N, C-alpha and C. Protein backbone atom coordinates (compact mmCIF):
# COMPACT_ATOMS: atom_id res chain seq x y z
N MET A 1 0.92 -0.88 -0.05
CA MET A 1 0.05 -0.05 0.07
C MET A 1 1.05 0.79 -0.08
N PHE A 2 1.85 1.15 0.79
CA PHE A 2 2.35 2.18 0.97
C PHE A 2 3.52 2.68 -0.38
N GLY A 3 3.78 1.41 -0.94
CA GLY A 3 4.74 1.62 -1.98
C GLY A 3 4.01 2.46 -2.92
N ASP A 4 2.70 1.78 -3.29
CA ASP A 4 1.55 2.84 -4.13
C ASP A 4 1.99 4.26 -3.88
N LEU A 5 1.00 4.20 -2.99
CA LEU A 5 1.58 5.54 -2.08
C LEU A 5 2.49 7.02 -2.52
N MET A 6 3.45 6.12 -2.22
CA MET A 6 5.65 6.93 -2.54
C MET A 6 5.35 6.83 -4.31
N GLY A 7 4.46 6.11 -5.22
CA GLY A 7 5.03 5.91 -6.27
C GLY A 7 3.88 7.05 -7.11
N MET A 8 2.55 6.83 -6.67
CA MET A 8 1.70 7.88 -6.85
C MET A 8 2.22 9.58 -6.55
N MET A 9 3.15 9.56 -5.20
CA MET A 9 3.12 11.04 -4.73
C MET A 9 4.26 11.49 -6.17
N GLY A 10 5.36 10.41 -6.26
CA GLY A 10 6.40 11.11 -7.22
C GLY A 10 6.11 11.19 -8.59
N LYS A 11 4.70 10.35 -8.79
CA LYS A 11 4.40 10.16 -10.02
C LYS A 11 3.93 12.19 -10.25
N LEU A 12 3.00 13.07 -8.98
CA LEU A 12 2.70 13.30 -9.12
C LEU A 12 3.92 14.87 -9.32
N LYS A 13 5.16 14.70 -8.41
CA LYS A 13 5.38 15.37 -8.26
C LYS A 13 6.41 15.77 -9.36
N GLU A 14 6.83 14.71 -10.11
CA GLU A 14 7.22 14.57 -11.51
C GLU A 14 6.02 15.19 -12.51
N THR A 15 5.25 15.12 -11.94
CA THR A 15 3.99 15.95 -12.92
C THR A 15 4.09 17.27 -13.09
N LYS A 16 4.17 17.98 -11.63
CA LYS A 16 3.92 19.47 -11.48
C LYS A 16 5.17 19.68 -11.93
N ALA A 17 6.28 19.13 -11.77
CA ALA A 17 8.16 19.15 -12.35
C ALA A 17 7.51 19.68 -13.87
N LYS A 18 6.58 18.87 -14.82
CA LYS A 18 7.13 18.78 -15.63
C LYS A 18 5.27 20.08 -16.50
N VAL A 19 4.32 19.74 -15.44
CA VAL A 19 3.76 21.43 -16.20
C VAL A 19 4.47 22.53 -15.76
N GLU A 20 5.21 22.45 -15.13
CA GLU A 20 6.16 24.09 -14.86
C GLU A 20 6.92 24.69 -15.68
N ALA A 21 7.59 23.25 -16.41
CA ALA A 21 8.43 23.43 -17.68
C ALA A 21 7.76 23.47 -19.16
N THR A 22 6.56 23.26 -18.90
CA THR A 22 5.30 23.45 -20.23
C THR A 22 5.17 24.79 -19.50
N LYS A 23 4.78 25.21 -18.80
CA LYS A 23 4.59 26.78 -18.68
C LYS A 23 5.60 27.63 -18.85
N GLU A 24 6.85 27.02 -18.52
CA GLU A 24 7.89 28.52 -18.82
C GLU A 24 8.20 28.31 -20.63
N ARG A 25 7.89 27.21 -21.09
CA ARG A 25 8.01 26.93 -22.49
C ARG A 25 6.90 27.54 -23.88
N LEU A 26 5.56 27.88 -23.08
CA LEU A 26 4.92 28.63 -23.94
C LEU A 26 4.77 29.85 -23.87
N ASN A 27 5.75 30.84 -22.61
CA ASN A 27 6.86 31.65 -23.14
C ASN A 27 6.99 32.11 -24.42
N THR A 28 7.74 31.31 -24.87
CA THR A 28 8.03 30.93 -26.70
C THR A 28 6.99 30.87 -27.76
N VAL A 29 6.21 30.34 -27.10
CA VAL A 29 5.22 30.62 -28.07
C VAL A 29 4.19 31.50 -28.47
N TYR A 30 4.86 32.05 -29.81
CA TYR A 30 3.89 33.32 -29.92
C TYR A 30 2.50 33.21 -30.84
N ILE A 31 1.13 33.92 -30.58
CA ILE A 31 0.88 33.86 -30.87
C ILE A 31 -0.43 35.20 -31.85
N ASP A 32 -0.28 35.28 -33.22
CA ASP A 32 -0.35 36.42 -33.75
C ASP A 32 -1.54 36.60 -33.89
N GLU A 33 -2.15 37.60 -34.04
CA GLU A 33 -3.75 37.98 -34.14
C GLU A 33 -3.71 38.96 -35.18
N GLN A 34 -4.98 39.50 -35.48
CA GLN A 34 -5.37 40.90 -35.88
C GLN A 34 -6.68 41.13 -36.44
N SER A 35 -6.93 42.84 -36.42
CA SER A 35 -7.86 43.00 -36.96
C SER A 35 -8.55 42.17 -38.23
N ASN A 36 -10.25 42.45 -38.64
CA ASN A 36 -10.26 41.38 -39.73
C ASN A 36 -10.18 42.56 -40.93
N ASP A 37 -9.78 43.84 -40.93
CA ASP A 37 -9.33 44.87 -41.97
C ASP A 37 -7.93 44.87 -41.97
N GLY A 38 -7.24 44.25 -40.65
CA GLY A 38 -5.60 44.16 -40.53
C GLY A 38 -4.77 45.80 -40.04
N LEU A 39 -5.98 46.81 -39.40
CA LEU A 39 -5.90 48.08 -39.51
C LEU A 39 -4.63 47.91 -38.04
N VAL A 40 -5.26 46.77 -36.83
CA VAL A 40 -4.27 46.29 -36.07
C VAL A 40 -3.99 44.56 -35.73
N SER A 41 -2.65 44.64 -35.04
CA SER A 41 -1.91 43.60 -35.52
C SER A 41 -1.11 43.68 -33.50
N VAL A 42 -1.46 42.54 -33.41
CA VAL A 42 -0.92 42.40 -31.50
C VAL A 42 -0.46 40.67 -31.86
N THR A 43 0.56 40.76 -30.90
CA THR A 43 1.17 39.69 -30.75
C THR A 43 1.39 38.97 -29.08
N ILE A 44 1.25 38.02 -28.48
CA ILE A 44 1.24 37.74 -27.11
C ILE A 44 2.00 36.25 -27.06
N THR A 45 2.24 36.13 -26.07
CA THR A 45 2.76 34.60 -25.74
C THR A 45 2.34 33.47 -25.52
N ALA A 46 1.71 32.78 -25.25
CA ALA A 46 0.79 31.62 -25.05
C ALA A 46 0.87 31.53 -23.59
N ASN A 47 1.59 32.44 -22.38
CA ASN A 47 1.08 32.67 -21.38
C ASN A 47 0.54 33.98 -21.35
N ARG A 48 -0.48 34.44 -22.20
CA ARG A 48 -1.10 35.72 -22.54
C ARG A 48 -0.21 37.16 -22.00
N GLU A 49 0.83 36.71 -22.16
CA GLU A 49 1.76 38.36 -22.41
C GLU A 49 2.13 39.01 -23.51
N LEU A 50 1.88 40.17 -23.56
CA LEU A 50 1.54 41.16 -25.04
C LEU A 50 3.23 41.55 -24.86
N LYS A 51 3.04 41.32 -26.52
CA LYS A 51 4.60 42.06 -26.89
C LYS A 51 5.12 42.66 -28.00
N ASN A 52 3.87 43.12 -28.74
CA ASN A 52 3.85 43.76 -29.57
C ASN A 52 2.49 43.94 -30.33
N ILE A 53 2.01 45.19 -30.58
CA ILE A 53 1.19 45.88 -31.02
C ILE A 53 1.68 47.02 -32.67
N ASN A 54 1.02 46.46 -33.46
CA ASN A 54 0.90 47.54 -34.46
C ASN A 54 -0.65 48.48 -35.11
N ILE A 55 0.00 49.69 -35.08
CA ILE A 55 -1.47 50.11 -35.71
C ILE A 55 -1.48 50.93 -36.88
N ASP A 56 -2.75 50.20 -37.60
CA ASP A 56 -2.21 51.64 -39.03
C ASP A 56 -2.50 52.50 -38.61
N SER A 57 -1.70 53.82 -39.71
CA SER A 57 -1.78 55.01 -38.89
C SER A 57 -3.00 55.90 -39.33
N LYS A 58 -4.26 55.56 -40.02
CA LYS A 58 -5.41 55.90 -40.07
C LYS A 58 -6.12 56.19 -39.01
N LEU A 59 -5.81 55.05 -37.82
CA LEU A 59 -6.93 54.69 -36.77
C LEU A 59 -6.63 55.62 -35.68
N LEU A 60 -5.01 56.76 -35.92
CA LEU A 60 -4.60 57.23 -34.86
C LEU A 60 -5.46 58.58 -34.60
N GLU A 61 -6.27 58.98 -35.49
CA GLU A 61 -7.50 59.78 -35.42
C GLU A 61 -8.36 60.20 -34.93
N ASP A 62 -8.62 59.26 -34.47
CA ASP A 62 -10.12 58.72 -33.53
C ASP A 62 -9.56 57.81 -32.79
N LYS A 63 -9.61 57.72 -31.83
CA LYS A 63 -9.15 57.69 -30.40
C LYS A 63 -10.18 56.70 -29.78
N ASP A 64 -11.55 56.49 -30.23
CA ASP A 64 -12.32 55.68 -29.73
C ASP A 64 -12.66 54.42 -30.25
N GLN A 65 -12.13 54.60 -31.87
CA GLN A 65 -12.03 53.35 -32.93
C GLN A 65 -11.33 52.92 -32.84
N LEU A 66 -9.92 53.80 -32.20
CA LEU A 66 -8.60 52.72 -31.92
C LEU A 66 -8.59 51.84 -30.97
N GLU A 67 -9.11 52.25 -29.94
CA GLU A 67 -9.17 51.61 -28.36
C GLU A 67 -10.85 50.74 -28.87
N ASP A 68 -11.71 50.65 -29.51
CA ASP A 68 -12.14 49.66 -30.03
C ASP A 68 -11.66 48.34 -30.81
N TYR A 69 -10.92 49.02 -31.46
CA TYR A 69 -10.23 47.91 -32.35
C TYR A 69 -8.94 47.68 -31.37
N LEU A 70 -8.14 47.64 -30.99
CA LEU A 70 -7.38 47.18 -29.89
C LEU A 70 -7.78 45.98 -28.55
N ILE A 71 -9.06 46.64 -28.34
CA ILE A 71 -9.76 45.78 -27.14
C ILE A 71 -10.58 44.56 -28.05
N LEU A 72 -10.94 44.81 -28.52
CA LEU A 72 -11.07 43.65 -29.48
C LEU A 72 -9.83 42.22 -30.51
N THR A 73 -9.04 43.12 -30.61
CA THR A 73 -7.76 42.42 -31.28
C THR A 73 -7.30 41.50 -30.17
N ILE A 74 -7.42 42.64 -29.07
CA ILE A 74 -6.24 41.84 -28.17
C ILE A 74 -6.98 40.51 -27.35
N ASN A 75 -8.60 41.06 -27.60
CA ASN A 75 -9.41 40.18 -26.18
C ASN A 75 -8.87 38.32 -27.28
N LYS A 76 -9.56 38.56 -28.78
CA LYS A 76 -9.30 37.31 -29.73
C LYS A 76 -7.89 36.77 -29.38
N ALA A 77 -7.00 37.43 -29.68
CA ALA A 77 -5.60 36.74 -29.27
C ALA A 77 -5.32 35.94 -27.90
N ILE A 78 -5.34 36.88 -26.72
CA ILE A 78 -6.10 36.28 -25.40
C ILE A 78 -7.00 34.50 -25.59
N GLU A 79 -7.81 34.82 -26.21
CA GLU A 79 -8.65 33.49 -26.44
C GLU A 79 -7.82 32.97 -26.54
N LYS A 80 -7.21 32.82 -27.99
CA LYS A 80 -6.61 31.38 -28.38
C LYS A 80 -5.56 31.50 -27.50
N ALA A 81 -4.51 32.38 -26.84
CA ALA A 81 -3.70 31.81 -26.02
C ALA A 81 -3.98 31.34 -24.96
N THR A 82 -5.35 31.21 -24.35
CA THR A 82 -5.68 30.21 -23.67
C THR A 82 -5.91 28.88 -24.17
N GLN A 83 -6.34 29.05 -25.18
CA GLN A 83 -6.58 27.21 -25.92
C GLN A 83 -5.21 26.94 -25.96
N VAL A 84 -4.72 27.60 -26.20
CA VAL A 84 -3.42 26.87 -26.75
C VAL A 84 -2.46 26.79 -25.20
N GLN A 85 -2.55 27.34 -24.25
CA GLN A 85 -2.42 26.99 -22.90
C GLN A 85 -2.96 25.90 -22.08
N GLU A 86 -4.36 26.14 -22.07
CA GLU A 86 -5.14 24.93 -21.64
C GLU A 86 -5.03 23.64 -22.35
N THR A 87 -4.76 23.44 -23.16
CA THR A 87 -4.44 22.18 -23.98
C THR A 87 -3.31 21.63 -23.77
N GLU A 88 -2.19 22.49 -23.58
CA GLU A 88 -1.12 21.87 -23.20
C GLU A 88 -0.55 21.68 -21.94
N ILE A 89 -1.13 22.61 -21.15
CA ILE A 89 -0.65 21.99 -19.73
C ILE A 89 -1.56 20.84 -19.80
N GLY A 90 -2.80 20.40 -19.77
CA GLY A 90 -3.93 19.54 -19.68
C GLY A 90 -3.38 18.51 -19.94
N ALA A 91 -2.71 18.52 -21.57
CA ALA A 91 -2.20 17.15 -22.04
C ALA A 91 -1.83 16.94 -21.02
N VAL A 92 -0.08 17.86 -20.45
CA VAL A 92 0.83 17.10 -19.73
C VAL A 92 0.15 16.69 -17.98
N ALA A 93 -0.65 17.56 -17.68
CA ALA A 93 -1.46 17.02 -16.55
C ALA A 93 -1.89 15.73 -16.29
N LYS A 94 -2.72 15.29 -17.58
CA LYS A 94 -3.58 14.47 -17.24
C LYS A 94 -2.40 12.88 -17.88
N GLU A 95 -1.30 13.23 -18.57
CA GLU A 95 -0.29 12.39 -19.31
C GLU A 95 -0.49 11.47 -17.70
N GLY A 96 0.34 12.69 -16.82
CA GLY A 96 1.11 12.38 -15.50
C GLY A 96 0.27 12.15 -14.43
N MET A 97 -0.85 12.60 -14.42
CA MET A 97 -1.38 11.36 -13.26
C MET A 97 -1.81 10.38 -13.10
N PRO A 98 -1.73 9.87 -12.04
CA PRO A 98 -1.39 8.64 -11.25
C PRO A 98 -3.07 8.24 -11.66
N ASN A 99 -3.15 6.46 -12.13
CA ASN A 99 -5.02 5.73 -12.41
C ASN A 99 -5.45 6.29 -10.73
N ILE A 100 -6.15 6.57 -10.23
CA ILE A 100 -6.70 6.81 -9.40
C ILE A 100 -8.61 6.05 -9.75
N PRO A 101 -8.71 4.80 -9.30
CA PRO A 101 -9.93 4.38 -9.55
C PRO A 101 -10.78 6.20 -9.01
N GLY A 102 -12.21 6.03 -9.79
CA GLY A 102 -12.92 6.60 -9.54
C GLY A 102 -12.86 8.53 -9.33
N MET A 103 -11.44 8.86 -9.96
CA MET A 103 -11.08 10.57 -9.58
C MET A 103 -10.75 10.45 -11.22
N ASP A 104 -11.76 10.84 -11.74
CA ASP A 104 -11.48 11.38 -13.59
C ASP A 104 -11.35 12.48 -13.54
N LEU A 105 -9.97 12.95 -13.63
CA LEU A 105 -10.02 14.55 -12.83
C LEU A 105 -10.22 15.22 -14.68
N PHE A 106 -9.75 14.63 -16.05
CA PHE A 106 -9.85 15.05 -17.41
C PHE A 106 -11.01 14.64 -18.06
């Protein structure tokens, strides 16, 4: 019994390390998103850290329109980054979870 428990604890510790390594790797995964007409584009990491914003000069004359463009484009990028992060971390976590009857976490 204790051997099984020690084995599970070891596997959980290993999985935690793999999840942390995956989170670190996601800092190097870039998601590019742009507005439908291409006037605004953003780049963020899969950990949702904003890296770059490009704004067409046409938008610089209308503050409200620019703010709307930024909000929409950044939110689309964040949504994609969240999906990538959840998929990557979920796969690592599921792979490393011990088989505990009745504990279907994923």
